[in-house]
Amino acid sequence: MFRSVQIALASLYVTTTGILIAGIYYVHQVLGVEQWGIIAFVSLVITLVAGGILAKIAITPLREHFEHLERFSKETLHELNLPINTITANAQMLRKTHDDEKSLRRLERIEMAAEMLKERYNELDYLIKKQTEREKIETFDLRDVIEERLGFLRSLYPAASWDVSMEACEVRMDRIGLGKVIDNLVENGVKYSLQNPRITITLYNHVLSICDQGIGMDEITLMRIYDRYYQNDSTMAGYGIGLSLVKRYCDRHSINLHVASQVGEGTCVKLEFKKKERNGK
């Protein structure tokens, strides 16, 4: 499809340029018009008409393509909601008829997997809506978002230990997207800790630090962590797109992102938020 569009655009551009040059030559040389203002005006009109045609040819197939992707994504997202709710509802029903420890552990794993699917569902829903709608910018205390996300992450990673210290920090940005950033950074810390993960989270002077004591990264890996689909350890779960999304969010909201890491000692990610000025901006 796009190949034919390129050919059509190139052909129309060459044809329009040829017509424009021939028209100027005809008006000036054959008709003997010496008023260059008239010639320039006619040339401008021809250029605007050709530009409108070029724009329509270029945009129409792209609009149709993205509308198809958007429609497909929304339909797929809607279909995912049903099996997630079905799994959750049936797991709750089975809890009422099974009380032995082995069955309860299995049900707990099923419920946890369903909760993870629900989180991914919410993330996909957020990303799709962000593409079609403007982000909802609001003012809130960063501590509330961190505590909200930790409520979920603690249940997701019961073996991890948490060291949390926070002070008030008022920010103005997309709250849902920031929650996804925190989720990603914490999950990376847990995922790359070999055993007994310990996550330290501090919020002081508008700087959020999320640190782990995991395997760490060397200098070469640090240079590539924002590359889409890159993973430090290919055996780990995930697609390696998390930090790429984090970087884009931070750039969009003017958050300074710093990553420090040493092999065998762990990684520390710092998000430096802009302080509000006295006039409230």
Protein backbone atom coordinates (compact mmCIF):
# COMPACT_ATOMS: atom_id res chain seq x y z
CA MET A 1 0.00 0.00 0.00
CA PHE A 2 2.65 2.52 1.01
CA ARG A 3 4.76 1.64 -2.01
CA SER A 4 1.95 2.68 -4.36
CA VAL A 5 1.47 5.88 -2.36
CA GLN A 6 5.16 6.74 -2.78
CA ILE A 7 4.95 6.16 -6.54
CA ALA A 8 1.79 8.27 -6.81
CA LEU A 9 3.32 11.13 -4.82
CA ALA A 10 6.54 11.10 -6.84
CA SER A 11 4.61 11.03 -10.14
CA LEU A 12 2.32 13.86 -9.09
CA TYR A 13 5.27 15.94 -7.86
CA VAL A 14 7.16 15.53 -11.15
CA THR A 15 4.03 16.22 -13.20
CA THR A 16 3.14 19.33 -11.18
CA THR A 17 6.68 20.68 -11.41
CA GLY A 18 6.67 20.13 -15.17
CA ILE A 19 3.28 21.85 -15.57
CA LEU A 20 4.41 24.77 -13.43
CA ILE A 21 7.60 25.31 -15.45
CA ALA A 22 5.76 24.92 -18.77
CA GLY A 23 3.04 27.32 -17.62
CA ILE A 24 5.54 30.00 -16.61
CA TYR A 25 7.35 29.61 -19.94
CA TYR A 26 4.09 29.78 -21.92
CA VAL A 27 2.76 32.87 -20.10
CA HIS A 28 6.07 34.72 -20.29
CA GLN A 29 7.44 33.70 -23.69
CA VAL A 30 4.36 32.88 -25.81
CA LEU A 31 1.76 35.25 -24.38
CA GLY A 32 4.38 37.91 -23.66
CA VAL A 33 3.20 38.69 -20.16
CA GLU A 34 5.89 40.75 -18.43
CA GLN A 35 4.08 41.31 -15.14
CA TRP A 36 5.91 38.94 -12.85
CA GLY A 37 3.46 39.60 -10.06
CA ILE A 38 0.69 37.91 -12.07
CA ILE A 39 3.01 35.05 -12.99
CA ALA A 40 3.99 34.57 -9.35
CA PHE A 41 0.33 34.61 -8.25
CA VAL A 42 -0.67 31.99 -10.81
CA SER A 43 2.33 29.87 -9.80
CA LEU A 44 1.31 30.13 -6.15
CA VAL A 45 -2.24 29.00 -6.94
CA ILE A 46 -0.96 26.00 -8.91
CA THR A 47 1.44 25.12 -6.07
CA LEU A 48 -1.33 25.31 -3.43
CA VAL A 49 -3.65 23.12 -5.47
CA ALA A 50 -0.91 20.56 -6.08
CA GLY A 51 0.07 20.65 -2.40
CA GLY A 52 -3.52 19.94 -1.36
CA ILE A 53 -3.71 16.98 -3.72
CA LEU A 54 -0.37 15.64 -2.49
CA ALA A 55 -1.45 15.96 1.14
CA LYS A 56 -4.71 14.13 0.47
CA ILE A 57 -2.96 11.30 -1.35
CA ALA A 58 -0.41 10.95 1.46
CA ILE A 59 -2.73 11.25 4.47
CA THR A 60 -5.78 9.24 3.36
CA PRO A 61 -4.16 5.75 3.33
CA LEU A 62 -2.29 6.52 6.55
CA ARG A 63 -5.52 7.60 8.25
CA GLU A 64 -7.27 4.44 7.08
CA HIS A 65 -4.36 2.30 8.28
CA PHE A 66 -4.28 3.82 11.77
CA GLU A 67 -8.06 3.76 12.08
CA HIS A 68 -7.94 0.03 11.30
CA LEU A 69 -5.22 -0.54 13.92
CA GLU A 70 -7.13 1.49 16.50
CA ARG A 71 -10.35 -0.41 15.85
CA PHE A 72 -8.53 -3.77 15.99
CA SER A 73 -6.77 -2.82 19.25
CA LYS A 74 -10.01 -1.74 20.94
CA GLU A 75 -11.82 -4.90 19.85
CA THR A 76 -8.95 -7.09 21.06
CA LEU A 77 -8.81 -5.23 24.35
CA HIS A 78 -12.54 -5.70 24.84
CA GLU A 79 -12.24 -9.43 24.18
CA LEU A 80 -9.44 -9.75 26.76
CA ASN A 81 -11.60 -8.35 29.54
CA LEU A 82 -14.02 -11.30 29.52
CA PRO A 83 -11.53 -14.17 30.14
CA ILE A 84 -9.77 -12.16 32.86
CA ASN A 85 -13.03 -11.61 34.74
CA THR A 86 -14.01 -15.26 34.17
CA ILE A 87 -10.73 -16.53 35.67
CA THR A 88 -11.07 -14.24 38.69
CA ALA A 89 -14.71 -15.11 39.34
CA ASN A 90 -14.16 -18.88 39.08
CA ALA A 91 -11.09 -18.75 41.30
CA GLN A 92 -13.16 -17.02 43.98
CA MET A 93 -15.88 -19.67 43.65
CA LEU A 94 -13.33 -22.49 43.96
CA ARG A 95 -12.02 -20.97 47.18
CA LYS A 96 -15.42 -21.67 48.74
CA THR A 97 -15.22 -25.41 47.95
CA HIS A 98 -11.50 -26.06 48.54
CA ASP A 99 -9.83 -25.59 51.90
CA ASP A 100 -6.76 -27.81 51.69
CA GLU A 101 -3.42 -26.01 51.66
CA LYS A 102 -2.26 -27.39 48.30
CA SER A 103 -5.41 -26.27 46.47
CA LEU A 104 -5.33 -22.86 48.10
CA ARG A 105 -1.74 -22.32 46.97
CA ARG A 106 -2.73 -23.19 43.41
CA LEU A 107 -5.69 -20.84 43.57
CA GLU A 108 -3.46 -18.10 44.90
CA ARG A 109 -1.12 -18.51 41.92
CA ILE A 110 -4.09 -18.41 39.51
CA GLU A 111 -5.43 -15.25 41.16
CA MET A 112 -2.01 -13.63 41.06
CA ALA A 113 -1.63 -14.47 37.36
CA ALA A 114 -5.09 -13.04 36.68
CA GLU A 115 -4.13 -9.88 38.57
CA MET A 116 -1.00 -9.54 36.45
CA LEU A 117 -3.10 -9.95 33.29
CA LYS A 118 -5.46 -7.29 34.58
CA GLU A 119 -2.55 -4.91 35.14
CA ARG A 120 -1.31 -5.52 31.59
CA TYR A 121 -4.89 -4.99 30.38
CA ASN A 122 -5.05 -1.64 32.18
CA GLU A 123 -1.66 -0.68 30.77
CA LEU A 124 -2.71 -1.53 27.22
CA ASP A 125 -5.98 0.34 27.72
CA TYR A 126 -4.01 3.38 28.91
CA LEU A 127 -1.62 3.27 25.95
CA ILE A 128 -4.47 3.01 23.42
CA LYS A 129 -6.40 5.87 25.01
CA LYS A 130 -3.25 7.97 25.14
CA GLN A 131 -2.91 7.60 21.38
CA THR A 132 -6.46 8.79 20.72
CA GLU A 133 -7.04 11.23 23.57
CA ARG A 134 -5.05 13.89 25.34
CA GLU A 135 -3.37 12.91 28.58
CA LYS A 136 -5.17 13.93 31.74
CA ILE A 137 -2.83 16.35 33.48
CA GLU A 138 -3.56 16.86 37.16
CA THR A 139 -1.89 18.00 40.38
CA PHE A 140 -1.32 15.38 43.07
CA ASP A 141 1.01 14.23 45.83
CA LEU A 142 3.55 11.79 44.44
CA ARG A 143 3.43 9.81 47.69
CA ASP A 144 -0.18 8.80 46.99
CA VAL A 145 0.76 7.25 43.64
CA ILE A 146 3.75 5.40 45.12
CA GLU A 147 1.69 4.00 48.01
CA GLU A 148 -1.07 2.97 45.59
CA ARG A 149 1.35 1.09 43.34
CA LEU A 150 3.21 -0.49 46.29
CA GLY A 151 -0.11 -1.85 47.56
CA PHE A 152 -0.30 -3.92 44.37
CA LEU A 153 3.42 -4.71 44.04
CA ARG A 154 3.75 -6.00 47.61
CA SER A 155 1.07 -8.61 46.95
CA LEU A 156 2.67 -9.46 43.61
CA TYR A 157 6.13 -9.98 45.14
CA PRO A 158 5.58 -11.27 48.71
CA ALA A 159 9.20 -12.48 48.99
CA ALA A 160 10.62 -8.99 48.47
CA SER A 161 11.50 -6.67 51.35
CA TRP A 162 10.78 -2.97 51.14
CA ASP A 163 12.52 0.04 52.64
CA VAL A 164 10.34 3.09 51.97
CA SER A 165 10.91 6.68 53.11
CA MET A 166 8.92 9.55 51.61
CA GLU A 167 8.08 13.19 52.13
CA ALA A 168 5.38 15.30 50.52
CA CYS A 169 6.01 16.05 46.86
CA GLU A 170 3.38 17.84 44.78
CA VAL A 171 3.66 17.34 41.01
CA ARG A 172 1.51 18.13 37.98
CA MET A 173 1.45 15.55 35.19
CA ASP A 174 -0.23 12.40 33.90
CA ARG A 175 -0.94 10.35 37.03
CA ILE A 176 -1.73 7.02 35.34
CA GLY A 177 1.40 7.13 33.19
CA LEU A 178 3.55 7.90 36.23
CA GLY A 179 2.10 4.86 37.97
CA LYS A 180 3.22 2.73 35.02
CA VAL A 181 6.72 4.22 35.29
CA ILE A 182 6.93 3.29 38.99
CA ASP A 183 5.63 -0.22 38.29
CA ASN A 184 8.25 -0.79 35.63
CA LEU A 185 11.19 0.44 37.71
CA VAL A 186 10.18 -1.59 40.77
CA GLU A 187 9.50 -4.74 38.73
CA ASN A 188 12.92 -4.43 37.09
CA GLY A 189 14.52 -4.19 40.53
CA VAL A 190 12.77 -7.35 41.69
CA LYS A 191 13.28 -9.22 38.43
CA TYR A 192 17.04 -8.65 38.36
CA SER A 193 17.56 -9.59 42.02
CA LEU A 194 18.61 -13.23 42.18
CA GLN A 195 17.13 -13.99 45.59
CA ASN A 196 15.52 -12.17 48.52
CA PRO A 197 14.94 -8.94 46.58
CA ARG A 198 15.33 -5.77 48.62
CA ILE A 199 13.90 -2.59 47.13
CA THR A 200 14.69 0.81 48.60
CA ILE A 201 12.40 3.69 47.70
CA THR A 202 13.06 7.24 48.86
CA LEU A 203 11.32 10.49 47.98
CA TYR A 204 13.15 13.58 49.16
CA ASN A 205 13.52 17.10 47.79
CA HIS A 206 11.53 16.22 44.62
CA VAL A 207 13.83 13.29 43.80
CA LEU A 208 12.41 9.76 43.68
CA SER A 209 15.01 7.00 44.03
CA ILE A 210 14.25 3.33 43.38
CA CYS A 211 17.23 1.11 44.18
CA ASP A 212 17.86 -2.62 44.31
CA GLN A 213 20.68 -4.94 45.32
CA GLY A 214 20.48 -7.09 42.22
CA ILE A 215 22.91 -8.21 39.56
CA GLY A 216 23.63 -4.67 38.31
CA MET A 217 24.84 -3.60 34.87
CA ASP A 218 28.17 -2.83 33.26
CA GLU A 219 28.93 0.33 31.28
CA ILE A 220 28.10 -1.25 27.92
CA THR A 221 24.68 -2.35 29.14
CA LEU A 222 24.00 1.10 30.62
CA MET A 223 24.56 2.62 27.19
CA ARG A 224 21.83 0.43 25.68
CA ILE A 225 19.16 0.25 28.39
CA TYR A 226 16.85 2.67 26.57
CA ASP A 227 16.96 0.72 23.30
CA ARG A 228 13.58 -0.80 22.54
CA TYR A 229 13.49 -4.60 23.03
CA TYR A 230 16.99 -4.69 24.54
CA GLN A 231 17.36 -6.94 27.57
CA ASN A 232 20.30 -7.27 29.90
CA ASP A 233 19.48 -10.92 30.48
CA SER A 234 17.65 -12.75 27.70
CA THR A 235 16.49 -15.44 30.14
CA MET A 236 14.36 -12.95 32.06
CA ALA A 237 10.67 -12.53 31.29
CA GLY A 238 9.47 -9.45 29.44
CA TYR A 239 10.05 -7.70 26.16
CA GLY A 240 12.68 -5.17 27.13
CA ILE A 241 10.55 -2.16 26.19
CA GLY A 242 9.96 -0.90 29.73
CA LEU A 243 12.84 1.54 30.10
CA SER A 244 12.21 2.87 26.62
CA LEU A 245 8.69 3.79 27.72
CA VAL A 246 10.02 5.25 30.98
CA LYS A 247 12.49 7.42 29.09
CA ARG A 248 9.80 8.74 26.74
CA TYR A 249 7.51 9.58 29.65
CA CYS A 250 10.27 11.41 31.50
CA ASP A 251 11.25 13.38 28.41
CA ARG A 252 7.61 14.33 27.77
CA HIS A 253 7.11 15.62 31.32
CA SER A 254 10.56 17.21 31.82
CA ILE A 255 11.70 14.68 34.44
CA ASN A 256 15.46 14.23 34.71
CA LEU A 257 16.22 10.50 34.61
CA HIS A 258 19.48 9.15 36.09
CA VAL A 259 20.57 5.50 36.22
CA ALA A 260 23.57 4.33 38.23
CA SER A 261 24.60 0.68 38.41
CA GLN A 262 27.50 -1.60 39.27
CA VAL A 263 27.81 -5.28 38.46
CA GLY A 264 27.06 -7.42 41.50
CA GLU A 265 25.95 -4.46 43.63
CA GLY A 266 22.67 -3.35 42.12
CA THR A 267 21.01 -0.50 40.27
CA CYS A 268 19.61 2.84 41.41
CA VAL A 269 17.23 4.88 39.25
CA LYS A 270 16.50 8.49 40.17
CA LEU A 271 13.66 10.64 38.85
CA GLU A 272 14.22 14.33 39.46
CA PHE A 273 10.96 16.28 39.28
CA LYS A 274 10.74 19.99 38.64
CA LYS A 275 9.87 22.02 41.71
CA LYS A 276 6.79 24.21 41.53
CA GLU A 277 7.48 27.90 41.48
CA ARG A 278 5.98 30.26 44.03
CA ASN A 279 3.37 31.50 41.58
CA GLY A 280 2.11 27.91 41.29
CA LYS A 281 3.47 27.16 37.83
